[in-house]
């Protein structure tokens, strides 16, 4: 059974940082971070394509960094210089399309 558990969300002031984690079990590698803000569609934030190749949404380039541990079971999203528009529920997704339950990120003063 594939399970993903995200953590690390919270309330942070604009300009602050958070690090999200996604732990995957059940044999599927986590590869994507998505987010969904209230009233908006879920959007891809960052993706591990293969090895060191990554892809980012234009809105987060230069501020967010996606990474994965060597065992390929834990994925991270380092988020720096956070903005109020980054407020959303953040989800990880595995190869094969399994989703976690999400973790709330709120950027507000």
C-alpha atoms as a PDB file:
ATOM      1  CA  UNK A   1       0.000   0.000   0.000  1.00  0.00           C
ATOM      2  CA  UNK A   2       1.420   3.372  -1.024  1.00  0.00           C
ATOM      3  CA  UNK A   3       1.366   6.049   1.635  1.00  0.00           C
ATOM      4  CA  UNK A   4       2.722   9.579   1.610  1.00  0.00           C
ATOM      5  CA  UNK A   5       2.954  11.843   4.612  1.00  0.00           C
ATOM      6  CA  UNK A   6       3.749  15.526   4.217  1.00  0.00           C
ATOM      7  CA  UNK A   7       4.946  17.709   7.073  1.00  0.00           C
ATOM      8  CA  UNK A   8       6.655  21.014   7.735  1.00  0.00           C
ATOM      9  CA  UNK A   9       3.893  23.440   6.913  1.00  0.00           C
ATOM     10  CA  UNK A  10       2.865  26.287   9.145  1.00  0.00           C
ATOM     11  CA  UNK A  11       2.462  30.024   9.515  1.00  0.00           C
ATOM     12  CA  UNK A  12       5.409  32.176   8.470  1.00  0.00           C
ATOM     13  CA  UNK A  13       5.928  35.871   7.859  1.00  0.00           C
ATOM     14  CA  UNK A  14       6.651  37.204   4.378  1.00  0.00           C
ATOM     15  CA  UNK A  15      10.321  36.739   3.586  1.00  0.00           C
ATOM     16  CA  UNK A  16      10.589  33.717   5.832  1.00  0.00           C
ATOM     17  CA  UNK A  17      11.452  30.117   5.074  1.00  0.00           C
ATOM     18  CA  UNK A  18       9.936  26.687   5.524  1.00  0.00           C
ATOM     19  CA  UNK A  19      11.087  23.196   4.637  1.00  0.00           C
ATOM     20  CA  UNK A  20       8.458  20.663   3.657  1.00  0.00           C
ATOM     21  CA  UNK A  21       9.043  16.927   3.828  1.00  0.00           C
ATOM     22  CA  UNK A  22       7.250  14.052   2.131  1.00  0.00           C
ATOM     23  CA  UNK A  23       7.883  10.498   3.284  1.00  0.00           C
ATOM     24  CA  UNK A  24       6.742   7.798   0.901  1.00  0.00           C
ATOM     25  CA  UNK A  25       6.225   4.124   1.658  1.00  0.00           C
ATOM     26  CA  UNK A  26       4.964   1.286  -0.471  1.00  0.00           C
ATOM     27  CA  UNK A  27       7.558   1.338  -3.197  1.00  0.00           C
ATOM     28  CA  UNK A  28       6.734   4.525  -5.061  1.00  0.00           C
ATOM     29  CA  UNK A  29       9.179   7.400  -5.417  1.00  0.00           C
ATOM     30  CA  UNK A  30       7.910  10.892  -4.621  1.00  0.00           C
ATOM     31  CA  UNK A  31       8.662  13.224  -7.515  1.00  0.00           C
ATOM     32  CA  UNK A  32       6.361  16.274  -7.499  1.00  0.00           C
ATOM     33  CA  UNK A  33       5.269  19.052  -5.205  1.00  0.00           C
ATOM     34  CA  UNK A  34       1.918  20.628  -6.032  1.00  0.00           C
ATOM     35  CA  UNK A  35      -0.058  23.321  -4.259  1.00  0.00           C
ATOM     36  CA  UNK A  36      -3.650  24.455  -4.189  1.00  0.00           C
ATOM     37  CA  UNK A  37      -4.744  27.860  -2.970  1.00  0.00           C
ATOM     38  CA  UNK A  38      -8.367  28.577  -1.998  1.00  0.00           C
ATOM     39  CA  UNK A  39     -10.526  28.944  -5.077  1.00  0.00           C
ATOM     40  CA  UNK A  40      -7.727  27.951  -7.431  1.00  0.00           C
ATOM     41  CA  UNK A  41      -6.746  24.816  -9.288  1.00  0.00           C
ATOM     42  CA  UNK A  42      -3.968  22.595  -8.048  1.00  0.00           C
ATOM     43  CA  UNK A  43      -0.712  23.557  -9.719  1.00  0.00           C
ATOM     44  CA  UNK A  44       2.687  21.940 -10.125  1.00  0.00           C
ATOM     45  CA  UNK A  45       5.317  23.744  -8.074  1.00  0.00           C
ATOM     46  CA  UNK A  46       8.418  21.605  -8.560  1.00  0.00           C
ATOM     47  CA  UNK A  47       9.396  18.265 -10.078  1.00  0.00           C
ATOM     48  CA  UNK A  48      12.353  15.937  -9.927  1.00  0.00           C
ATOM     49  CA  UNK A  49      12.709  14.778 -13.523  1.00  0.00           C
ATOM     50  CA  UNK A  50      15.672  12.461 -13.038  1.00  0.00           C
ATOM     51  CA  UNK A  51      18.943  12.573 -11.155  1.00  0.00           C
ATOM     52  CA  UNK A  52      19.786  16.241 -10.650  1.00  0.00           C
ATOM     53  CA  UNK A  53      17.327  17.450 -13.280  1.00  0.00           C
ATOM     54  CA  UNK A  54      14.509  19.484 -11.789  1.00  0.00           C
ATOM     55  CA  UNK A  55      11.759  21.760 -13.003  1.00  0.00           C
ATOM     56  CA  UNK A  56      10.029  24.655 -11.264  1.00  0.00           C
ATOM     57  CA  UNK A  57       7.019  26.849 -11.793  1.00  0.00           C
ATOM     58  CA  UNK A  58       8.086  30.323 -12.889  1.00  0.00           C
ATOM     59  CA  UNK A  59       6.528  31.795  -9.758  1.00  0.00           C
ATOM     60  CA  UNK A  60       8.927  29.927  -7.451  1.00  0.00           C
ATOM     61  CA  UNK A  61      12.148  29.768  -9.471  1.00  0.00           C
ATOM     62  CA  UNK A  62      15.101  30.984  -7.471  1.00  0.00           C
ATOM     63  CA  UNK A  63      13.194  30.719  -4.192  1.00  0.00           C
ATOM     64  CA  UNK A  64      12.230  27.035  -3.875  1.00  0.00           C
ATOM     65  CA  UNK A  65      14.455  23.984  -4.086  1.00  0.00           C
ATOM     66  CA  UNK A  66      13.242  20.408  -4.482  1.00  0.00           C
ATOM     67  CA  UNK A  67      15.408  17.502  -3.409  1.00  0.00           C
ATOM     68  CA  UNK A  68      15.187  13.831  -2.505  1.00  0.00           C
ATOM     69  CA  UNK A  69      17.264  11.600  -0.282  1.00  0.00           C
ATOM     70  CA  UNK A  70      19.481   8.857  -1.675  1.00  0.00           C
ATOM     71  CA  UNK A  71      16.975   6.170  -0.749  1.00  0.00           C
ATOM     72  CA  UNK A  72      14.414   8.077  -2.838  1.00  0.00           C
ATOM     73  CA  UNK A  73      11.770   7.737  -0.163  1.00  0.00           C
ATOM     74  CA  UNK A  74      11.852  11.226   1.314  1.00  0.00           C
ATOM     75  CA  UNK A  75      11.433  14.368  -0.721  1.00  0.00           C
ATOM     76  CA  UNK A  76      11.894  17.932   0.427  1.00  0.00           C
ATOM     77  CA  UNK A  77      10.858  21.400  -0.648  1.00  0.00           C
ATOM     78  CA  UNK A  78      12.985  24.195   0.741  1.00  0.00           C
ATOM     79  CA  UNK A  79      10.995  27.406   0.430  1.00  0.00           C
ATOM     80  CA  UNK A  80      12.779  30.723   0.931  1.00  0.00           C
ATOM     81  CA  UNK A  81      11.684  34.345   0.513  1.00  0.00           C
ATOM     82  CA  UNK A  82       8.081  33.293   0.988  1.00  0.00           C
ATOM     83  CA  UNK A  83       5.311  35.564  -0.245  1.00  0.00           C
ATOM     84  CA  UNK A  84       1.643  35.784   0.723  1.00  0.00           C
ATOM     85  CA  UNK A  85       0.771  34.344  -2.691  1.00  0.00           C
ATOM     86  CA  UNK A  86       2.596  31.154  -1.719  1.00  0.00           C
ATOM     87  CA  UNK A  87      -0.186  30.452   0.776  1.00  0.00           C
ATOM     88  CA  UNK A  88      -1.739  27.098  -0.152  1.00  0.00           C
ATOM     89  CA  UNK A  89      -2.035  23.463   0.772  1.00  0.00           C
ATOM     90  CA  UNK A  90       1.075  21.710  -0.504  1.00  0.00           C
ATOM     91  CA  UNK A  91       0.877  18.121  -1.724  1.00  0.00           C
ATOM     92  CA  UNK A  92       3.461  15.605  -2.801  1.00  0.00           C
ATOM     93  CA  UNK A  93       2.849  13.111  -5.554  1.00  0.00           C
ATOM     94  CA  UNK A  94       4.624   9.932  -6.518  1.00  0.00           C
ATOM     95  CA  UNK A  95       5.481   8.239  -9.742  1.00  0.00           C
ATOM     96  CA  UNK A  96       2.185   6.574 -10.645  1.00  0.00           C
ATOM     97  CA  UNK A  97       0.045   9.388  -9.301  1.00  0.00           C
ATOM     98  CA  UNK A  98      -0.342   8.729  -5.577  1.00  0.00           C
ATOM     99  CA  UNK A  99      -1.038  11.785  -3.415  1.00  0.00           C
ATOM    100  CA  UNK A 100      -0.405  12.760   0.170  1.00  0.00           C
ATOM    101  CA  UNK A 101      -2.948  14.469   2.402  1.00  0.00           C
ATOM    102  CA  UNK A 102      -1.303  17.874   2.123  1.00  0.00           C
ATOM    103  CA  UNK A 103       0.247  20.350   4.519  1.00  0.00           C
ATOM    104  CA  UNK A 104      -0.941  23.922   4.961  1.00  0.00           C
ATOM    105  CA  UNK A 105       1.454  26.786   4.332  1.00  0.00           C
ATOM    106  CA  UNK A 106       0.293  30.246   5.323  1.00  0.00           C
ATOM    107  CA  UNK A 107       2.407  33.314   4.627  1.00  0.00           C
ATOM    108  CA  UNK A 108       1.093  36.310   6.491  1.00  0.00           C
ATOM    109  CA  UNK A 109       2.222  39.117   8.742  1.00  0.00           C
END
